[in-house]
Protein backbone atom coordinates (compact mmCIF):
# COMPACT_ATOMS: atom_id res chain seq x y z
CA UNK A 1 -10.76 -25.04 -8.65
CA UNK A 2 -9.85 -23.91 -12.19
CA UNK A 3 -8.99 -26.19 -15.09
CA UNK A 4 -5.40 -27.34 -15.37
CA UNK A 5 -3.34 -24.76 -17.19
CA UNK A 6 -5.90 -21.97 -16.75
CA UNK A 7 -4.38 -18.57 -16.17
CA UNK A 8 -4.82 -16.76 -12.88
CA UNK A 9 -8.18 -15.04 -12.66
CA UNK A 10 -9.14 -11.90 -10.79
CA UNK A 11 -10.72 -14.10 -8.11
CA UNK A 12 -7.26 -15.40 -7.22
CA UNK A 13 -5.89 -11.90 -6.64
CA UNK A 14 -4.58 -11.31 -3.13
CA UNK A 15 -7.10 -9.81 -0.75
CA UNK A 16 -5.44 -6.82 0.82
CA UNK A 17 -5.20 -6.30 4.56
CA UNK A 18 -3.65 -3.84 6.96
CA UNK A 19 -0.04 -4.52 7.96
CA UNK A 20 0.54 -6.49 11.15
CA UNK A 21 1.05 -4.29 14.24
CA UNK A 22 4.48 -2.65 14.11
CA UNK A 23 6.57 -0.27 16.16
CA UNK A 24 8.47 2.77 14.89
CA UNK A 25 12.09 3.08 16.17
CA UNK A 26 11.10 6.29 17.99
CA UNK A 27 7.58 6.98 19.30
CA UNK A 28 5.84 9.39 16.91
CA UNK A 29 3.02 11.87 17.33
CA UNK A 30 0.18 11.81 14.80
CA UNK A 31 1.59 15.07 13.35
CA UNK A 32 5.05 13.54 12.85
CA UNK A 33 3.47 10.46 11.26
CA UNK A 34 1.50 12.65 8.83
CA UNK A 35 4.71 14.55 7.93
CA UNK A 36 6.53 11.27 7.23
CA UNK A 37 3.67 10.14 5.03
CA UNK A 38 3.53 13.43 3.11
CA UNK A 39 7.29 13.32 2.52
CA UNK A 40 7.07 9.75 1.22
CA UNK A 41 4.20 10.48 -1.17
CA UNK A 42 5.85 13.71 -2.37
CA UNK A 43 9.03 11.82 -3.31
CA UNK A 44 7.56 8.44 -4.33
CA UNK A 45 7.40 9.13 -8.11
CA UNK A 46 11.20 9.58 -8.02
CA UNK A 47 11.57 5.91 -7.04
CA UNK A 48 10.43 4.91 -10.53
CA UNK A 49 7.16 3.50 -11.74
CA UNK A 50 4.17 5.48 -12.99
CA UNK A 51 2.66 8.47 -11.26
CA UNK A 52 -0.90 7.19 -11.72
CA UNK A 53 0.03 3.95 -9.92
CA UNK A 54 1.60 5.92 -7.06
CA UNK A 55 -1.57 8.03 -6.90
CA UNK A 56 -3.73 4.88 -6.80
CA UNK A 57 -1.52 3.35 -4.08
CA UNK A 58 -1.79 6.53 -1.99
CA UNK A 59 -5.58 6.55 -2.38
CA UNK A 60 -5.68 2.85 -1.42
CA UNK A 61 -3.38 3.40 1.59
CA UNK A 62 -5.67 6.18 2.85
CA UNK A 63 -8.95 4.30 2.22
CA UNK A 64 -10.70 1.52 4.10
CA UNK A 65 -9.91 -2.01 2.95
CA UNK A 66 -12.95 -2.52 0.71
CA UNK A 67 -12.35 0.71 -1.18
CA UNK A 68 -8.58 0.08 -1.22
CA UNK A 69 -9.20 -3.31 -2.86
CA UNK A 70 -11.39 -1.69 -5.53
CA UNK A 71 -8.74 0.99 -6.18
CA UNK A 72 -5.84 -1.44 -6.67
CA UNK A 73 -7.99 -3.77 -8.79
CA UNK A 74 -9.15 -0.99 -11.11
CA UNK A 75 -5.65 0.49 -11.40
CA UNK A 76 -4.26 -2.90 -12.45
CA UNK A 77 -1.93 -3.06 -9.44
CA UNK A 78 -0.47 -6.51 -8.82
CA UNK A 79 -0.33 -7.01 -5.05
CA UNK A 80 2.74 -9.06 -4.05
CA UNK A 81 2.33 -8.68 -0.27
CA UNK A 82 -1.26 -8.60 0.98
CA UNK A 83 -0.45 -5.59 3.22
CA UNK A 84 0.52 -3.54 0.09
CA UNK A 85 4.18 -3.19 1.15
CA UNK A 86 5.26 -4.66 -2.21
CA UNK A 87 3.24 -4.20 -5.42
CA UNK A 88 3.89 -4.20 -9.15
CA UNK A 89 2.21 -2.58 -12.12
CA UNK A 90 1.32 -4.42 -15.32
CA UNK A 91 4.70 -3.44 -16.82
CA UNK A 92 6.56 -5.10 -13.96
CA UNK A 93 7.67 -1.93 -12.17
CA UNK A 94 8.02 -2.48 -8.41
CA UNK A 95 6.38 -0.24 -5.82
CA UNK A 96 7.45 -0.56 -2.19
CA UNK A 97 5.40 1.11 0.52
CA UNK A 98 6.69 1.64 4.05
CA UNK A 99 4.35 0.48 6.82
CA UNK A 100 4.02 4.03 8.15
CA UNK A 101 1.94 5.06 5.12
CA UNK A 102 -0.34 2.03 5.56
CA UNK A 103 -1.07 1.95 9.28
CA UNK A 104 -0.19 3.60 12.57
CA UNK A 105 2.62 2.26 14.76
CA UNK A 106 1.74 0.71 18.11
CA UNK A 107 3.89 3.36 19.81
CA UNK A 108 2.02 6.34 18.30
CA UNK A 109 1.79 9.19 20.78
CA UNK A 110 -1.78 10.45 20.86
CA UNK A 111 -1.77 14.23 20.52
CA UNK A 112 -3.41 15.68 23.59
């Protein structure tokens, strides 16, 4: 435990994890899921925030958890929700990520 009044250290940062299992309103194929993801990342800088943070979040979303943790830590991303659905940058800009860019839905249709 830290001393009283000590500021939050890196060790207290949220450990990121994959989102809990979720279901898309309509079953999706892997191709449709990839299209949704590409559309989101193509338009994400228009939601505000900094492009380099969006780029870091995309890299983290597409990496395994250990690498994702290193990416968000080095980019100075403040993780609000451990599954990365809500993050902030050091300037306080909010970044919201839909679950479909972070994990696959339980009703994903496997392309045959």
